[in-house]
Amino acid sequence: MPQYHNENILRAHLSKYGVSVELSTELVGLKQFDDHVEATIKKTVDGKEVIETSSYRWLVGADGGKSAVTLLSVHPCC
């Protein structure tokens, strides 16, 4: 099944929950807390670069093995 088809299915299901997918965005910062995360993203709006920080209950990194989420959320263990 082509990726664009999978993406259309995902977007359709997400929209049922009031969630949308934003393209042309980049995660540039991430802070994890016990009950939420703060994500700083960079995006282009009307041709201008915008940086914003928002809080979320959870964050899904779905941009592959070299995910910025993975790189930003690595913590020393033990």
PDB file of N, CA and C in Angstrom:
ATOM      1  N   MET A   1       0.850  -1.158   0.000  1.00  0.00           N
ATOM      2  CA  MET A   1       0.000   0.000   0.000  1.00  0.00           C
ATOM      3  C   MET A   1       0.908   1.237   0.000  1.00  0.00           C
ATOM      4  N   PRO A   2       0.662   2.186  -0.874  1.00  0.00           N
ATOM      5  CA  PRO A   2       1.516   3.380  -0.937  1.00  0.00           C
ATOM      6  C   PRO A   2       1.405   4.223   0.341  1.00  0.00           C
ATOM      7  N   GLN A   3       2.492   4.907   0.668  1.00  0.00           N
ATOM      8  CA  GLN A   3       2.536   5.717   1.881  1.00  0.00           C
ATOM      9  C   GLN A   3       1.438   6.777   1.895  1.00  0.00           C
ATOM     10  N   TYR A   4       1.177   7.425   0.758  1.00  0.00           N
ATOM     11  CA  TYR A   4       0.162   8.479   0.739  1.00  0.00           C
ATOM     12  C   TYR A   4      -1.206   7.924   1.145  1.00  0.00           C
ATOM     13  N   HIS A   5      -1.458   6.656   0.816  1.00  0.00           N
ATOM     14  CA  HIS A   5      -2.731   6.042   1.194  1.00  0.00           C
ATOM     15  C   HIS A   5      -2.792   5.842   2.715  1.00  0.00           C
ATOM     16  N   ASN A   6      -1.695   5.355   3.288  1.00  0.00           N
ATOM     17  CA  ASN A   6      -1.621   5.198   4.740  1.00  0.00           C
ATOM     18  C   ASN A   6      -1.800   6.543   5.442  1.00  0.00           C
ATOM     19  N   GLU A   7      -1.163   7.584   4.903  1.00  0.00           N
ATOM     20  CA  GLU A   7      -1.274   8.913   5.505  1.00  0.00           C
ATOM     21  C   GLU A   7      -2.714   9.423   5.449  1.00  0.00           C
ATOM     22  N   ASN A   8      -3.412   9.170   4.350  1.00  0.00           N
ATOM     23  CA  ASN A   8      -4.817   9.597   4.249  1.00  0.00           C
ATOM     24  C   ASN A   8      -5.691   8.889   5.281  1.00  0.00           C
ATOM     25  N   ILE A   9      -5.444   7.602   5.484  1.00  0.00           N
ATOM     26  CA  ILE A   9      -6.201   6.847   6.487  1.00  0.00           C
ATOM     27  C   ILE A   9      -5.907   7.403   7.884  1.00  0.00           C
ATOM     28  N   LEU A  10      -4.642   7.632   8.183  1.00  0.00           N
ATOM     29  CA  LEU A  10      -4.248   8.178   9.480  1.00  0.00           C
ATOM     30  C   LEU A  10      -4.897   9.541   9.721  1.00  0.00           C
ATOM     31  N   ARG A  11      -4.822  10.429   8.744  1.00  0.00           N
ATOM     32  CA  ARG A  11      -5.426  11.765   8.899  1.00  0.00           C
ATOM     33  C   ARG A  11      -6.933  11.675   9.106  1.00  0.00           C
ATOM     34  N   ALA A  12      -7.596  10.790   8.398  1.00  0.00           N
ATOM     35  CA  ALA A  12      -9.043  10.639   8.550  1.00  0.00           C
ATOM     36  C   ALA A  12      -9.392  10.202   9.963  1.00  0.00           C
ATOM     37  N   HIS A  13      -8.651   9.266  10.512  1.00  0.00           N
ATOM     38  CA  HIS A  13      -8.922   8.794  11.871  1.00  0.00           C
ATOM     39  C   HIS A  13      -8.568   9.860  12.906  1.00  0.00           C
ATOM     40  N   LEU A  14      -7.466  10.549  12.718  1.00  0.00           N
ATOM     41  CA  LEU A  14      -7.084  11.599  13.658  1.00  0.00           C
ATOM     42  C   LEU A  14      -8.108  12.727  13.689  1.00  0.00           C
ATOM     43  N   SER A  15      -8.653  13.056  12.534  1.00  0.00           N
ATOM     44  CA  SER A  15      -9.622  14.158  12.474  1.00  0.00           C
ATOM     45  C   SER A  15     -10.874  13.862  13.283  1.00  0.00           C
ATOM     46  N   LYS A  16     -11.198  12.596  13.466  1.00  0.00           N
ATOM     47  CA  LYS A  16     -12.350  12.220  14.292  1.00  0.00           C
ATOM     48  C   LYS A  16     -12.161  12.660  15.740  1.00  0.00           C
ATOM     49  N   TYR A  17     -10.905  12.846  16.142  1.00  0.00           N
ATOM     50  CA  TYR A  17     -10.581  13.237  17.515  1.00  0.00           C
ATOM     51  C   TYR A  17     -10.115  14.690  17.605  1.00  0.00           C
ATOM     52  N   GLY A  18     -10.333  15.431  16.532  1.00  0.00           N
ATOM     53  CA  GLY A  18      -9.950  16.839  16.527  1.00  0.00           C
ATOM     54  C   GLY A  18      -8.454  17.067  16.403  1.00  0.00           C
ATOM     55  N   VAL A  19      -7.734  16.071  15.887  1.00  0.00           N
ATOM     56  CA  VAL A  19      -6.287  16.153  15.748  1.00  0.00           C
ATOM     57  C   VAL A  19      -5.947  16.353  14.279  1.00  0.00           C
ATOM     58  N   SER A  20      -4.987  17.212  14.008  1.00  0.00           N
ATOM     59  CA  SER A  20      -4.550  17.417  12.632  1.00  0.00           C
ATOM     60  C   SER A  20      -3.045  17.194  12.532  1.00  0.00           C
ATOM     61  N   VAL A  21      -2.587  16.939  11.331  1.00  0.00           N
ATOM     62  CA  VAL A  21      -1.174  16.747  11.050  1.00  0.00           C
ATOM     63  C   VAL A  21      -0.658  18.023  10.413  1.00  0.00           C
ATOM     64  N   GLU A  22       0.417  18.574  10.969  1.00  0.00           N
ATOM     65  CA  GLU A  22       1.013  19.786  10.405  1.00  0.00           C
ATOM     66  C   GLU A  22       2.265  19.404   9.631  1.00  0.00           C
ATOM     67  N   LEU A  23       2.301  19.770   8.375  1.00  0.00           N
ATOM     68  CA  LEU A  23       3.482  19.535   7.552  1.00  0.00           C
ATOM     69  C   LEU A  23       4.409  20.740   7.650  1.00  0.00           C
ATOM     70  N   SER A  24       5.613  20.594   7.177  1.00  0.00           N
ATOM     71  CA  SER A  24       6.618  21.672   7.193  1.00  0.00           C
ATOM     72  C   SER A  24       6.835  22.220   8.589  1.00  0.00           C
ATOM     73  N   THR A  25       6.889  21.319   9.559  1.00  0.00           N
ATOM     74  CA  THR A  25       7.209  21.705  10.935  1.00  0.00           C
ATOM     75  C   THR A  25       8.418  20.906  11.387  1.00  0.00           C
ATOM     76  N   GLU A  26       9.158  21.473  12.325  1.00  0.00           N
ATOM     77  CA  GLU A  26      10.361  20.810  12.817  1.00  0.00           C
ATOM     78  C   GLU A  26      10.378  20.919  14.337  1.00  0.00           C
ATOM     79  N   LEU A  27      10.559  19.811  15.002  1.00  0.00           N
ATOM     80  CA  LEU A  27      10.712  19.803  16.445  1.00  0.00           C
ATOM     81  C   LEU A  27      12.117  20.285  16.769  1.00  0.00           C
ATOM     82  N   VAL A  28      12.236  21.374  17.526  1.00  0.00           N
ATOM     83  CA  VAL A  28      13.554  21.917  17.848  1.00  0.00           C
ATOM     84  C   VAL A  28      13.859  21.869  19.338  1.00  0.00           C
ATOM     85  N   GLY A  29      12.871  21.500  20.161  1.00  0.00           N
ATOM     86  CA  GLY A  29      13.103  21.378  21.592  1.00  0.00           C
ATOM     87  C   GLY A  29      12.042  20.510  22.238  1.00  0.00           C
ATOM     88  N   LEU A  30      12.423  19.816  23.308  1.00  0.00           N
ATOM     89  CA  LEU A  30      11.489  18.934  23.995  1.00  0.00           C
ATOM     90  C   LEU A  30      11.875  18.858  25.459  1.00  0.00           C
ATOM     91  N   LYS A  31      10.898  19.092  26.339  1.00  0.00           N
ATOM     92  CA  LYS A  31      11.096  18.934  27.779  1.00  0.00           C
ATOM     93  C   LYS A  31      10.044  17.956  28.271  1.00  0.00           C
ATOM     94  N   GLN A  32      10.481  16.938  28.996  1.00  0.00           N
ATOM     95  CA  GLN A  32       9.566  15.927  29.517  1.00  0.00           C
ATOM     96  C   GLN A  32       9.309  16.167  30.997  1.00  0.00           C
ATOM     97  N   PHE A  33       8.049  16.050  31.395  1.00  0.00           N
ATOM     98  CA  PHE A  33       7.629  16.164  32.778  1.00  0.00           C
ATOM     99  C   PHE A  33       6.833  14.905  33.123  1.00  0.00           C
ATOM    100  N   ASP A  34       6.479  14.736  34.383  1.00  0.00           N
ATOM    101  CA  ASP A  34       5.739  13.542  34.787  1.00  0.00           C
ATOM    102  C   ASP A  34       4.385  13.429  34.108  1.00  0.00           C
ATOM    103  N   ASP A  35       3.722  14.554  33.863  1.00  0.00           N
ATOM    104  CA  ASP A  35       2.350  14.516  33.342  1.00  0.00           C
ATOM    105  C   ASP A  35       2.151  15.173  31.990  1.00  0.00           C
ATOM    106  N   HIS A  36       3.224  15.687  31.387  1.00  0.00           N
ATOM    107  CA  HIS A  36       3.100  16.330  30.074  1.00  0.00           C
ATOM    108  C   HIS A  36       4.485  16.532  29.457  1.00  0.00           C
ATOM    109  N   VAL A  37       4.486  16.959  28.210  1.00  0.00           N
ATOM    110  CA  VAL A  37       5.723  17.363  27.538  1.00  0.00           C
ATOM    111  C   VAL A  37       5.535  18.769  27.008  1.00  0.00           C
ATOM    112  N   GLU A  38       6.627  19.511  26.911  1.00  0.00           N
ATOM    113  CA  GLU A  38       6.615  20.810  26.254  1.00  0.00           C
ATOM    114  C   GLU A  38       7.442  20.678  24.984  1.00  0.00           C
ATOM    115  N   ALA A  39       6.820  20.955  23.872  1.00  0.00           N
ATOM    116  CA  ALA A  39       7.491  20.834  22.582  1.00  0.00           C
ATOM    117  C   ALA A  39       7.648  22.211  21.963  1.00  0.00           C
ATOM    118  N   THR A  40       8.845  22.495  21.487  1.00  0.00           N
ATOM    119  CA  THR A  40       9.102  23.729  20.756  1.00  0.00           C
ATOM    120  C   THR A  40       9.250  23.350  19.293  1.00  0.00           C
ATOM    121  N   ILE A  41       8.422  23.966  18.458  1.00  0.00           N
ATOM    122  CA  ILE A  41       8.452  23.644  17.035  1.00  0.00           C
ATOM    123  C   ILE A  41       8.720  24.900  16.214  1.00  0.00           C
ATOM    124  N   LYS A  42       9.321  24.662  15.057  1.00  0.00           N
ATOM    125  CA  LYS A  42       9.574  25.725  14.086  1.00  0.00           C
ATOM    126  C   LYS A  42       8.752  25.396  12.857  1.00  0.00           C
ATOM    127  N   LYS A  43       8.003  26.379  12.367  1.00  0.00           N
ATOM    128  CA  LYS A  43       7.215  26.161  11.158  1.00  0.00           C
ATOM    129  C   LYS A  43       7.152  27.443  10.349  1.00  0.00           C
ATOM    130  N   THR A  44       6.680  27.321   9.140  1.00  0.00           N
ATOM    131  CA  THR A  44       6.530  28.473   8.264  1.00  0.00           C
ATOM    132  C   THR A  44       5.050  28.793   8.116  1.00  0.00           C
ATOM    133  N   VAL A  45       4.699  30.036   8.435  1.00  0.00           N
ATOM    134  CA  VAL A  45       3.317  30.505   8.328  1.00  0.00           C
ATOM    135  C   VAL A  45       3.317  31.757   7.468  1.00  0.00           C
ATOM    136  N   ASP A  46       2.596  31.709   6.364  1.00  0.00           N
ATOM    137  CA  ASP A  46       2.531  32.839   5.434  1.00  0.00           C
ATOM    138  C   ASP A  46       3.918  33.327   5.025  1.00  0.00           C
ATOM    139  N   GLY A  47       4.831  32.375   4.792  1.00  0.00           N
ATOM    140  CA  GLY A  47       6.172  32.699   4.336  1.00  0.00           C
ATOM    141  C   GLY A  47       7.121  33.157   5.432  1.00  0.00           C
ATOM    142  N   LYS A  48       6.666  33.178   6.686  1.00  0.00           N
ATOM    143  CA  LYS A  48       7.516  33.617   7.787  1.00  0.00           C
ATOM    144  C   LYS A  48       7.770  32.463   8.754  1.00  0.00           C
ATOM    145  N   GLU A  49       8.998  32.389   9.254  1.00  0.00           N
ATOM    146  CA  GLU A  49       9.350  31.351  10.217  1.00  0.00           C
ATOM    147  C   GLU A  49       8.777  31.716  11.585  1.00  0.00           C
ATOM    148  N   VAL A  50       8.097  30.762  12.191  1.00  0.00           N
ATOM    149  CA  VAL A  50       7.474  30.957  13.496  1.00  0.00           C
ATOM    150  C   VAL A  50       7.973  29.860  14.432  1.00  0.00           C
ATOM    151  N   ILE A  51       8.334  30.245  15.652  1.00  0.00           N
ATOM    152  CA  ILE A  51       8.725  29.266  16.663  1.00  0.00           C
ATOM    153  C   ILE A  51       7.722  29.372  17.803  1.00  0.00           C
ATOM    154  N   GLU A  52       7.176  28.220  18.205  1.00  0.00           N
ATOM    155  CA  GLU A  52       6.198  28.220  19.291  1.00  0.00           C
ATOM    156  C   GLU A  52       6.436  27.037  20.213  1.00  0.00           C
ATOM    157  N   THR A  53       6.090  27.224  21.482  1.00  0.00           N
ATOM    158  CA  THR A  53       6.194  26.165  22.477  1.00  0.00           C
ATOM    159  C   THR A  53       4.808  25.893  23.030  1.00  0.00           C
ATOM    160  N   SER A  54       4.425  24.621  23.064  1.00  0.00           N
ATOM    161  CA  SER A  54       3.119  24.218  23.578  1.00  0.00           C
ATOM    162  C   SER A  54       3.278  22.994  24.460  1.00  0.00           C
ATOM    163  N   SER A  55       2.292  22.791  25.351  1.00  0.00           N
ATOM    164  CA  SER A  55       2.279  21.628  26.227  1.00  0.00           C
ATOM    165  C   SER A  55       1.305  20.588  25.696  1.00  0.00           C
ATOM    166  N   TYR A  56       1.682  19.314  25.844  1.00  0.00           N
ATOM    167  CA  TYR A  56       0.857  18.205  25.384  1.00  0.00           C
ATOM    168  C   TYR A  56       0.904  17.090  26.416  1.00  0.00           C
ATOM    169  N   ARG A  57      -0.147  16.289  26.448  1.00  0.00           N
ATOM    170  CA  ARG A  57      -0.143  15.122  27.345  1.00  0.00           C
ATOM    171  C   ARG A  57       0.859  14.086  26.877  1.00  0.00           C
ATOM    172  N   TRP A  58       1.025  13.960  25.563  1.00  0.00           N
ATOM    173  CA  TRP A  58       1.987  13.026  25.008  1.00  0.00           C
ATOM    174  C   TRP A  58       2.410  13.492  23.633  1.00  0.00           C
ATOM    175  N   LEU A  59       3.496  12.926  23.154  1.00  0.00           N
ATOM    176  CA  LEU A  59       4.067  13.307  21.863  1.00  0.00           C
ATOM    177  C   LEU A  59       4.473  12.049  21.123  1.00  0.00           C
ATOM    178  N   VAL A  60       4.121  11.969  19.862  1.00  0.00           N
ATOM    179  CA  VAL A  60       4.465  10.823  19.030  1.00  0.00           C
ATOM    180  C   VAL A  60       5.512  11.257  18.015  1.00  0.00           C
ATOM    181  N   GLY A  61       6.635  10.565  18.012  1.00  0.00           N
ATOM    182  CA  GLY A  61       7.666  10.814  17.006  1.00  0.00           C
ATOM    183  C   GLY A  61       7.530   9.779  15.914  1.00  0.00           C
ATOM    184  N   ALA A  62       7.186  10.214  14.717  1.00  0.00           N
ATOM    185  CA  ALA A  62       6.951   9.275  13.626  1.00  0.00           C
ATOM    186  C   ALA A  62       7.751   9.667  12.393  1.00  0.00           C
ATOM    187  N   ASP A  63       8.973  10.121  12.629  1.00  0.00           N
ATOM    188  CA  ASP A  63       9.771  10.573  11.499  1.00  0.00           C
ATOM    189  C   ASP A  63      11.002   9.695  11.285  1.00  0.00           C
ATOM    190  N   GLY A  64      10.896   8.422  11.684  1.00  0.00           N
ATOM    191  CA  GLY A  64      11.936   7.468  11.342  1.00  0.00           C
ATOM    192  C   GLY A  64      12.951   7.218  12.440  1.00  0.00           C
ATOM    193  N   GLY A  65      13.919   6.409  12.117  1.00  0.00           N
ATOM    194  CA  GLY A  65      14.919   5.963  13.074  1.00  0.00           C
ATOM    195  C   GLY A  65      15.816   7.067  13.599  1.00  0.00           C
ATOM    196  N   LYS A  66      15.980   8.121  12.836  1.00  0.00           N
ATOM    197  CA  LYS A  66      16.796   9.254  13.285  1.00  0.00           C
ATOM    198  C   LYS A  66      15.883  10.381  13.760  1.00  0.00           C
ATOM    199  N   SER A  67      14.781  10.006  14.357  1.00  0.00           N
ATOM    200  CA  SER A  67      13.762  10.928  14.838  1.00  0.00           C
ATOM    201  C   SER A  67      14.342  11.980  15.765  1.00  0.00           C
ATOM    202  N   ALA A  68      13.928  13.223  15.564  1.00  0.00           N
ATOM    203  CA  ALA A  68      14.318  14.290  16.483  1.00  0.00           C
ATOM    204  C   ALA A  68      13.777  14.008  17.871  1.00  0.00           C
ATOM    205  N   VAL A  69      12.617  13.382  17.959  1.00  0.00           N
ATOM    206  CA  VAL A  69      12.049  13.042  19.265  1.00  0.00           C
ATOM    207  C   VAL A  69      12.980  12.081  19.986  1.00  0.00           C
ATOM    208  N   THR A  70      13.479  11.087  19.281  1.00  0.00           N
ATOM    209  CA  THR A  70      14.398  10.130  19.881  1.00  0.00           C
ATOM    210  C   THR A  70      15.678  10.834  20.315  1.00  0.00           C
ATOM    211  N   LEU A  71      16.205  11.675  19.464  1.00  0.00           N
ATOM    212  CA  LEU A  71      17.465  12.352  19.772  1.00  0.00           C
ATOM    213  C   LEU A  71      17.297  13.335  20.908  1.00  0.00           C
ATOM    214  N   LEU A  72      16.175  14.017  20.992  1.00  0.00           N
ATOM    215  CA  LEU A  72      15.961  15.019  22.034  1.00  0.00           C
ATOM    216  C   LEU A  72      15.543  14.418  23.358  1.00  0.00           C
ATOM    217  N   SER A  73      15.039  13.192  23.358  1.00  0.00           N
ATOM    218  CA  SER A  73      14.504  12.639  24.591  1.00  0.00           C
ATOM    219  C   SER A  73      15.387  11.562  25.224  1.00  0.00           C
ATOM    220  N   VAL A  74      16.574  11.384  24.728  1.00  0.00           N
ATOM    221  CA  VAL A  74      17.469  10.380  25.290  1.00  0.00           C
ATOM    222  C   VAL A  74      17.972  10.866  26.647  1.00  0.00           C
ATOM    223  N   HIS A  75      17.810  10.015  27.666  1.00  0.00           N
ATOM    224  CA  HIS A  75      18.229  10.351  29.016  1.00  0.00           C
ATOM    225  C   HIS A  75      19.239   9.317  29.489  1.00  0.00           C
ATOM    226  N   PRO A  76      20.211   9.750  30.297  1.00  0.00           N
ATOM    227  CA  PRO A  76      21.141   8.764  30.857  1.00  0.00           C
ATOM    228  C   PRO A  76      20.390   7.775  31.735  1.00  0.00           C
ATOM    229  N   CYS A  77      20.818   6.580  31.713  1.00  0.00           N
ATOM    230  CA  CYS A  77      20.159   5.550  32.500  1.00  0.00           C
ATOM    231  C   CYS A  77      21.025   5.102  33.666  1.00  0.00           C
ATOM    232  N   CYS A  78      20.417   4.808  34.734  1.00  0.00           N
ATOM    233  CA  CYS A  78      20.993   4.134  35.910  1.00  0.00           C
ATOM    234  C   CYS A  78      22.178   4.868  36.474  1.00  0.00           C
TER     235      CYS A  78
END
